[in-house]
Amino acid sequence: VAGPPTVARSAPARIVEGPGCATLLALGAHMCKWPIGDPLEAGFTYCGRPAADGPYCPGHAQVAYKPGAPPPLRARCDW
């Protein structure tokens, strides 16, 4: 008797982005602060698109904030 068919699962797709349009010096208050590239390499930029409600544009906010995920842990200072 054969078991249920197995389904091969592929790794999640990795998003490859082109260079952003803002450097650290050009990054404004209402611009997306999503880092693009390796900060230790030349050509590192930030997204720079208009930020929605927070530090990221709507597209990067969907990646950064997963619905239903617990909030990040915060350090607690009792002193």
PDB file of N, CA and C in Angstrom:
ATOM      1  N   VAL A   1       0.858  -1.174   0.000  1.00  0.00           N
ATOM      2  CA  VAL A   1       0.000   0.000   0.000  1.00  0.00           C
ATOM      3  C   VAL A   1       0.897   1.228   0.000  1.00  0.00           C
ATOM      4  N   ALA A   2       0.683   2.097  -0.946  1.00  0.00           N
ATOM      5  CA  ALA A   2       1.490   3.312  -1.062  1.00  0.00           C
ATOM      6  C   ALA A   2       0.950   4.376  -0.135  1.00  0.00           C
ATOM      7  N   GLY A   3       1.856   5.171   0.447  1.00  0.00           N
ATOM      8  CA  GLY A   3       1.471   6.272   1.329  1.00  0.00           C
ATOM      9  C   GLY A   3       1.054   7.489   0.516  1.00  0.00           C
ATOM     10  N   PRO A   4       0.764   8.552   1.198  1.00  0.00           N
ATOM     11  CA  PRO A   4       0.357   9.770   0.487  1.00  0.00           C
ATOM     12  C   PRO A   4       1.529  10.319  -0.318  1.00  0.00           C
ATOM     13  N   PRO A   5       1.235  10.967  -1.433  1.00  0.00           N
ATOM     14  CA  PRO A   5       2.316  11.501  -2.260  1.00  0.00           C
ATOM     15  C   PRO A   5       3.069  12.599  -1.507  1.00  0.00           C
ATOM     16  N   THR A   6       4.350  12.657  -1.732  1.00  0.00           N
ATOM     17  CA  THR A   6       5.142  13.702  -1.099  1.00  0.00           C
ATOM     18  C   THR A   6       5.268  14.887  -2.038  1.00  0.00           C
ATOM     19  N   VAL A   7       5.286  16.058  -1.460  1.00  0.00           N
ATOM     20  CA  VAL A   7       5.406  17.278  -2.244  1.00  0.00           C
ATOM     21  C   VAL A   7       6.720  17.937  -1.880  1.00  0.00           C
ATOM     22  N   ALA A   8       7.529  18.190  -2.878  1.00  0.00           N
ATOM     23  CA  ALA A   8       8.805  18.859  -2.627  1.00  0.00           C
ATOM     24  C   ALA A   8       8.544  20.322  -2.319  1.00  0.00           C
ATOM     25  N   ARG A   9       9.134  20.797  -1.232  1.00  0.00           N
ATOM     26  CA  ARG A   9       8.969  22.208  -0.867  1.00  0.00           C
ATOM     27  C   ARG A   9      10.216  22.973  -1.270  1.00  0.00           C
ATOM     28  N   SER A  10       9.982  24.098  -1.873  1.00  0.00           N
ATOM     29  CA  SER A  10      11.118  24.922  -2.270  1.00  0.00           C
ATOM     30  C   SER A  10      11.379  25.985  -1.212  1.00  0.00           C
ATOM     31  N   ALA A  11      12.577  26.501  -1.206  1.00  0.00           N
ATOM     32  CA  ALA A  11      12.932  27.563  -0.268  1.00  0.00           C
ATOM     33  C   ALA A  11      12.169  28.822  -0.636  1.00  0.00           C
ATOM     34  N   PRO A  12      11.863  29.668   0.356  1.00  0.00           N
ATOM     35  CA  PRO A  12      11.157  30.917   0.030  1.00  0.00           C
ATOM     36  C   PRO A  12      11.986  31.760  -0.937  1.00  0.00           C
ATOM     37  N   ALA A  13      11.295  32.447  -1.805  1.00  0.00           N
ATOM     38  CA  ALA A  13      11.981  33.281  -2.791  1.00  0.00           C
ATOM     39  C   ALA A  13      12.695  34.427  -2.089  1.00  0.00           C
ATOM     40  N   ARG A  14      13.909  34.676  -2.497  1.00  0.00           N
ATOM     41  CA  ARG A  14      14.670  35.782  -1.933  1.00  0.00           C
ATOM     42  C   ARG A  14      14.437  37.004  -2.805  1.00  0.00           C
ATOM     43  N   ILE A  15      14.106  38.103  -2.184  1.00  0.00           N
ATOM     44  CA  ILE A  15      13.836  39.320  -2.930  1.00  0.00           C
ATOM     45  C   ILE A  15      15.161  39.990  -3.263  1.00  0.00           C
ATOM     46  N   VAL A  16      15.377  40.212  -4.539  1.00  0.00           N
ATOM     47  CA  VAL A  16      16.578  40.910  -4.981  1.00  0.00           C
ATOM     48  C   VAL A  16      16.135  42.279  -5.445  1.00  0.00           C
ATOM     49  N   GLU A  17      16.622  43.289  -4.767  1.00  0.00           N
ATOM     50  CA  GLU A  17      16.213  44.644  -5.094  1.00  0.00           C
ATOM     51  C   GLU A  17      17.321  45.375  -5.808  1.00  0.00           C
ATOM     52  N   GLY A  18      16.927  46.331  -6.608  1.00  0.00           N
ATOM     53  CA  GLY A  18      17.898  47.215  -7.221  1.00  0.00           C
ATOM     54  C   GLY A  18      18.374  48.211  -6.176  1.00  0.00           C
ATOM     55  N   PRO A  19      19.294  49.067  -6.528  1.00  0.00           N
ATOM     56  CA  PRO A  19      19.780  50.031  -5.552  1.00  0.00           C
ATOM     57  C   PRO A  19      18.673  50.991  -5.136  1.00  0.00           C
ATOM     58  N   GLY A  20      18.732  51.415  -3.891  1.00  0.00           N
ATOM     59  CA  GLY A  20      17.764  52.383  -3.398  1.00  0.00           C
ATOM     60  C   GLY A  20      18.100  53.768  -3.917  1.00  0.00           C
ATOM     61  N   CYS A  21      17.284  54.718  -3.547  1.00  0.00           N
ATOM     62  CA  CYS A  21      17.512  56.062  -4.076  1.00  0.00           C
ATOM     63  C   CYS A  21      17.970  57.034  -2.998  1.00  0.00           C
ATOM     64  N   ALA A  22      18.362  56.539  -1.814  1.00  0.00           N
ATOM     65  CA  ALA A  22      18.783  57.454  -0.758  1.00  0.00           C
ATOM     66  C   ALA A  22      20.008  56.921  -0.028  1.00  0.00           C
ATOM     67  N   THR A  23      20.956  57.802   0.189  1.00  0.00           N
ATOM     68  CA  THR A  23      22.092  57.467   1.038  1.00  0.00           C
ATOM     69  C   THR A  23      21.759  57.949   2.449  1.00  0.00           C
ATOM     70  N   LEU A  24      22.592  57.618   3.399  1.00  0.00           N
ATOM     71  CA  LEU A  24      22.332  58.029   4.776  1.00  0.00           C
ATOM     72  C   LEU A  24      22.229  59.547   4.883  1.00  0.00           C
ATOM     73  N   LEU A  25      23.073  60.254   4.162  1.00  0.00           N
ATOM     74  CA  LEU A  25      23.037  61.719   4.227  1.00  0.00           C
ATOM     75  C   LEU A  25      21.827  62.322   3.544  1.00  0.00           C
ATOM     76  N   ALA A  26      21.251  61.616   2.571  1.00  0.00           N
ATOM     77  CA  ALA A  26      20.096  62.132   1.839  1.00  0.00           C
ATOM     78  C   ALA A  26      18.769  61.646   2.405  1.00  0.00           C
ATOM     79  N   LEU A  27      18.810  60.754   3.382  1.00  0.00           N
ATOM     80  CA  LEU A  27      17.592  60.152   3.926  1.00  0.00           C
ATOM     81  C   LEU A  27      16.826  61.171   4.762  1.00  0.00           C
ATOM     82  N   GLY A  28      15.593  61.447   4.376  1.00  0.00           N
ATOM     83  CA  GLY A  28      14.758  62.411   5.089  1.00  0.00           C
ATOM     84  C   GLY A  28      13.822  61.731   6.072  1.00  0.00           C
ATOM     85  N   ALA A  29      13.101  62.548   6.816  1.00  0.00           N
ATOM     86  CA  ALA A  29      12.221  62.051   7.877  1.00  0.00           C
ATOM     87  C   ALA A  29      11.105  61.166   7.350  1.00  0.00           C
ATOM     88  N   HIS A  30      10.565  61.453   6.201  1.00  0.00           N
ATOM     89  CA  HIS A  30       9.423  60.699   5.682  1.00  0.00           C
ATOM     90  C   HIS A  30       9.804  59.818   4.502  1.00  0.00           C
ATOM     91  N   MET A  31      11.037  59.310   4.537  1.00  0.00           N
ATOM     92  CA  MET A  31      11.520  58.417   3.490  1.00  0.00           C
ATOM     93  C   MET A  31      11.710  57.020   4.079  1.00  0.00           C
ATOM     94  N   CYS A  32      11.519  55.986   3.251  1.00  0.00           N
ATOM     95  CA  CYS A  32      11.662  54.599   3.681  1.00  0.00           C
ATOM     96  C   CYS A  32      13.109  54.322   4.070  1.00  0.00           C
ATOM     97  N   LYS A  33      13.288  53.778   5.257  1.00  0.00           N
ATOM     98  CA  LYS A  33      14.621  53.513   5.792  1.00  0.00           C
ATOM     99  C   LYS A  33      15.031  52.044   5.672  1.00  0.00           C
ATOM    100  N   TRP A  34      14.448  51.335   4.713  1.00  0.00           N
ATOM    101  CA  TRP A  34      14.787  49.931   4.490  1.00  0.00           C
ATOM    102  C   TRP A  34      16.181  49.855   3.870  1.00  0.00           C
ATOM    103  N   PRO A  35      17.121  49.167   4.525  1.00  0.00           N
ATOM    104  CA  PRO A  35      18.472  49.079   3.970  1.00  0.00           C
ATOM    105  C   PRO A  35      18.528  48.141   2.762  1.00  0.00           C
ATOM    106  N   ILE A  36      19.292  48.537   1.778  1.00  0.00           N
ATOM    107  CA  ILE A  36      19.451  47.725   0.572  1.00  0.00           C
ATOM    108  C   ILE A  36      20.945  47.510   0.335  1.00  0.00           C
ATOM    109  N   GLY A  37      21.346  46.249   0.375  1.00  0.00           N
ATOM    110  CA  GLY A  37      22.739  45.907   0.162  1.00  0.00           C
ATOM    111  C   GLY A  37      23.469  45.671   1.469  1.00  0.00           C
ATOM    112  N   ASP A  38      24.767  45.531   1.359  1.00  0.00           N
ATOM    113  CA  ASP A  38      25.627  45.283   2.507  1.00  0.00           C
ATOM    114  C   ASP A  38      26.208  46.616   2.970  1.00  0.00           C
ATOM    115  N   PRO A  39      26.003  46.990   4.236  1.00  0.00           N
ATOM    116  CA  PRO A  39      26.511  48.281   4.707  1.00  0.00           C
ATOM    117  C   PRO A  39      28.031  48.417   4.611  1.00  0.00           C
ATOM    118  N   LEU A  40      28.747  47.307   4.516  1.00  0.00           N
ATOM    119  CA  LEU A  40      30.196  47.366   4.434  1.00  0.00           C
ATOM    120  C   LEU A  40      30.710  47.487   3.004  1.00  0.00           C
ATOM    121  N   GLU A  41      29.807  47.463   2.027  1.00  0.00           N
ATOM    122  CA  GLU A  41      30.219  47.538   0.631  1.00  0.00           C
ATOM    123  C   GLU A  41      29.808  48.868   0.015  1.00  0.00           C
ATOM    124  N   ALA A  42      30.562  49.267  -1.005  1.00  0.00           N
ATOM    125  CA  ALA A  42      30.215  50.483  -1.747  1.00  0.00           C
ATOM    126  C   ALA A  42      28.859  50.278  -2.416  1.00  0.00           C
ATOM    127  N   GLY A  43      28.109  51.324  -2.521  1.00  0.00           N
ATOM    128  CA  GLY A  43      26.807  51.220  -3.164  1.00  0.00           C
ATOM    129  C   GLY A  43      25.668  50.914  -2.211  1.00  0.00           C
ATOM    130  N   PHE A  44      25.946  50.829  -0.915  1.00  0.00           N
ATOM    131  CA  PHE A  44      24.883  50.587   0.062  1.00  0.00           C
ATOM    132  C   PHE A  44      23.954  51.800   0.094  1.00  0.00           C
ATOM    133  N   THR A  45      22.654  51.546   0.040  1.00  0.00           N
ATOM    134  CA  THR A  45      21.664  52.627   0.050  1.00  0.00           C
ATOM    135  C   THR A  45      20.467  52.235   0.892  1.00  0.00           C
ATOM    136  N   TYR A  46      19.530  53.129   0.964  1.00  0.00           N
ATOM    137  CA  TYR A  46      18.233  52.885   1.594  1.00  0.00           C
ATOM    138  C   TYR A  46      17.173  53.039   0.521  1.00  0.00           C
ATOM    139  N   CYS A  47      16.014  52.451   0.759  1.00  0.00           N
ATOM    140  CA  CYS A  47      14.941  52.480  -0.235  1.00  0.00           C
ATOM    141  C   CYS A  47      14.640  53.913  -0.665  1.00  0.00           C
ATOM    142  N   GLY A  48      14.289  54.767   0.282  1.00  0.00           N
ATOM    143  CA  GLY A  48      14.053  56.173  -0.026  1.00  0.00           C
ATOM    144  C   GLY A  48      12.678  56.515  -0.551  1.00  0.00           C
ATOM    145  N   ARG A  49      11.829  55.507  -0.799  1.00  0.00           N
ATOM    146  CA  ARG A  49      10.462  55.813  -1.253  1.00  0.00           C
ATOM    147  C   ARG A  49       9.708  56.511  -0.126  1.00  0.00           C
ATOM    148  N   PRO A  50       8.583  57.142  -0.409  1.00  0.00           N
ATOM    149  CA  PRO A  50       7.808  57.782   0.659  1.00  0.00           C
ATOM    150  C   PRO A  50       7.366  56.754   1.705  1.00  0.00           C
ATOM    151  N   ALA A  51       7.621  57.063   2.964  1.00  0.00           N
ATOM    152  CA  ALA A  51       7.224  56.177   4.062  1.00  0.00           C
ATOM    153  C   ALA A  51       5.743  56.348   4.334  1.00  0.00           C
ATOM    154  N   ALA A  52       5.099  55.261   4.688  1.00  0.00           N
ATOM    155  CA  ALA A  52       3.659  55.285   4.970  1.00  0.00           C
ATOM    156  C   ALA A  52       3.442  55.783   6.399  1.00  0.00           C
ATOM    157  N   ASP A  53       3.185  54.885   7.298  1.00  0.00           N
ATOM    158  CA  ASP A  53       2.933  55.225   8.699  1.00  0.00           C
ATOM    159  C   ASP A  53       4.010  54.547   9.523  1.00  0.00           C
ATOM    160  N   GLY A  54       5.194  55.106   9.556  1.00  0.00           N
ATOM    161  CA  GLY A  54       6.322  54.506  10.239  1.00  0.00           C
ATOM    162  C   GLY A  54       7.580  54.703   9.420  1.00  0.00           C
ATOM    163  N   PRO A  55       8.606  53.894   9.665  1.00  0.00           N
ATOM    164  CA  PRO A  55       9.880  54.113   8.988  1.00  0.00           C
ATOM    165  C   PRO A  55       9.990  53.526   7.585  1.00  0.00           C
ATOM    166  N   TYR A  56       8.995  52.732   7.147  1.00  0.00           N
ATOM    167  CA  TYR A  56       9.110  52.037   5.866  1.00  0.00           C
ATOM    168  C   TYR A  56       7.987  52.402   4.909  1.00  0.00           C
ATOM    169  N   CYS A  57       8.243  52.219   3.611  1.00  0.00           N
ATOM    170  CA  CYS A  57       7.204  52.368   2.600  1.00  0.00           C
ATOM    171  C   CYS A  57       6.220  51.208   2.762  1.00  0.00           C
ATOM    172  N   PRO A  58       5.042  51.277   2.150  1.00  0.00           N
ATOM    173  CA  PRO A  58       4.069  50.186   2.322  1.00  0.00           C
ATOM    174  C   PRO A  58       4.613  48.807   1.943  1.00  0.00           C
ATOM    175  N   GLY A  59       5.397  48.702   0.889  1.00  0.00           N
ATOM    176  CA  GLY A  59       5.938  47.401   0.479  1.00  0.00           C
ATOM    177  C   GLY A  59       6.900  46.823   1.502  1.00  0.00           C
ATOM    178  N   HIS A  60       7.804  47.630   2.020  1.00  0.00           N
ATOM    179  CA  HIS A  60       8.752  47.125   3.002  1.00  0.00           C
ATOM    180  C   HIS A  60       8.107  46.935   4.373  1.00  0.00           C
ATOM    181  N   ALA A  61       7.059  47.687   4.671  1.00  0.00           N
ATOM    182  CA  ALA A  61       6.341  47.488   5.936  1.00  0.00           C
ATOM    183  C   ALA A  61       5.694  46.107   5.965  1.00  0.00           C
ATOM    184  N   GLN A  62       5.218  45.623   4.814  1.00  0.00           N
ATOM    185  CA  GLN A  62       4.625  44.282   4.757  1.00  0.00           C
ATOM    186  C   GLN A  62       5.657  43.211   5.054  1.00  0.00           C
ATOM    187  N   VAL A  63       6.897  43.437   4.666  1.00  0.00           N
ATOM    188  CA  VAL A  63       7.964  42.478   4.924  1.00  0.00           C
ATOM    189  C   VAL A  63       8.403  42.561   6.384  1.00  0.00           C
ATOM    190  N   ALA A  64       8.484  43.791   6.904  1.00  0.00           N
ATOM    191  CA  ALA A  64       9.003  44.001   8.251  1.00  0.00           C
ATOM    192  C   ALA A  64       8.022  43.577   9.337  1.00  0.00           C
ATOM    193  N   TYR A  65       6.753  43.826   9.125  1.00  0.00           N
ATOM    194  CA  TYR A  65       5.750  43.562  10.150  1.00  0.00           C
ATOM    195  C   TYR A  65       4.841  42.422   9.697  1.00  0.00           C
ATOM    196  N   LYS A  66       4.987  41.277  10.324  1.00  0.00           N
ATOM    197  CA  LYS A  66       4.180  40.113   9.987  1.00  0.00           C
ATOM    198  C   LYS A  66       2.902  40.126  10.827  1.00  0.00           C
ATOM    199  N   PRO A  67       1.725  40.047  10.195  1.00  0.00           N
ATOM    200  CA  PRO A  67       0.485  40.023  10.967  1.00  0.00           C
ATOM    201  C   PRO A  67       0.430  38.809  11.890  1.00  0.00           C
ATOM    202  N   GLY A  68      -0.005  39.022  13.089  1.00  0.00           N
ATOM    203  CA  GLY A  68      -0.155  37.930  14.044  1.00  0.00           C
ATOM    204  C   GLY A  68       1.126  37.564  14.764  1.00  0.00           C
ATOM    205  N   ALA A  69       2.239  38.184  14.402  1.00  0.00           N
ATOM    206  CA  ALA A  69       3.506  37.890  15.076  1.00  0.00           C
ATOM    207  C   ALA A  69       3.541  38.637  16.409  1.00  0.00           C
ATOM    208  N   PRO A  70       4.158  38.050  17.417  1.00  0.00           N
ATOM    209  CA  PRO A  70       4.241  38.750  18.698  1.00  0.00           C
ATOM    210  C   PRO A  70       5.100  40.002  18.565  1.00  0.00           C
ATOM    211  N   PRO A  71       4.827  41.021  19.354  1.00  0.00           N
ATOM    212  CA  PRO A  71       5.649  42.229  19.260  1.00  0.00           C
ATOM    213  C   PRO A  71       7.078  41.937  19.690  1.00  0.00           C
ATOM    214  N   PRO A  72       8.029  42.712  19.205  1.00  0.00           N
ATOM    215  CA  PRO A  72       9.417  42.464  19.597  1.00  0.00           C
ATOM    216  C   PRO A  72       9.604  42.682  21.091  1.00  0.00           C
ATOM    217  N   LEU A  73      10.530  41.928  21.660  1.00  0.00           N
ATOM    218  CA  LEU A  73      10.812  42.083  23.083  1.00  0.00           C
ATOM    219  C   LEU A  73      11.495  43.417  23.320  1.00  0.00           C
ATOM    220  N   ARG A  74      11.140  44.045  24.389  1.00  0.00           N
ATOM    221  CA  ARG A  74      11.742  45.328  24.752  1.00  0.00           C
ATOM    222  C   ARG A  74      12.514  45.149  26.038  1.00  0.00           C
ATOM    223  N   ALA A  75      13.638  45.806  26.120  1.00  0.00           N
ATOM    224  CA  ALA A  75      14.425  45.753  27.353  1.00  0.00           C
ATOM    225  C   ALA A  75      13.661  46.454  28.470  1.00  0.00           C
ATOM    226  N   ARG A  76      13.753  45.915  29.644  1.00  0.00           N
ATOM    227  CA  ARG A  76      13.037  46.511  30.765  1.00  0.00           C
ATOM    228  C   ARG A  76      14.061  47.056  31.757  1.00  0.00           C
ATOM    229  N   CYS A  77      13.926  48.294  32.081  1.00  0.00           N
ATOM    230  CA  CYS A  77      14.832  48.930  33.033  1.00  0.00           C
ATOM    231  C   CYS A  77      14.083  49.157  34.341  1.00  0.00           C
ATOM    232  N   ASP A  78      14.550  48.568  35.403  1.00  0.00           N
ATOM    233  CA  ASP A  78      13.926  48.745  36.709  1.00  0.00           C
ATOM    234  C   ASP A  78      14.739  49.650  37.610  1.00  0.00           C
ATOM    235  N   TRP A  79      15.681  50.345  37.095  1.00  0.00           N
ATOM    236  CA  TRP A  79      16.526  51.169  37.939  1.00  0.00           C
ATOM    237  C   TRP A  79      16.347  52.616  37.691  1.00  0.00           C
TER     238      TRP A  79
END
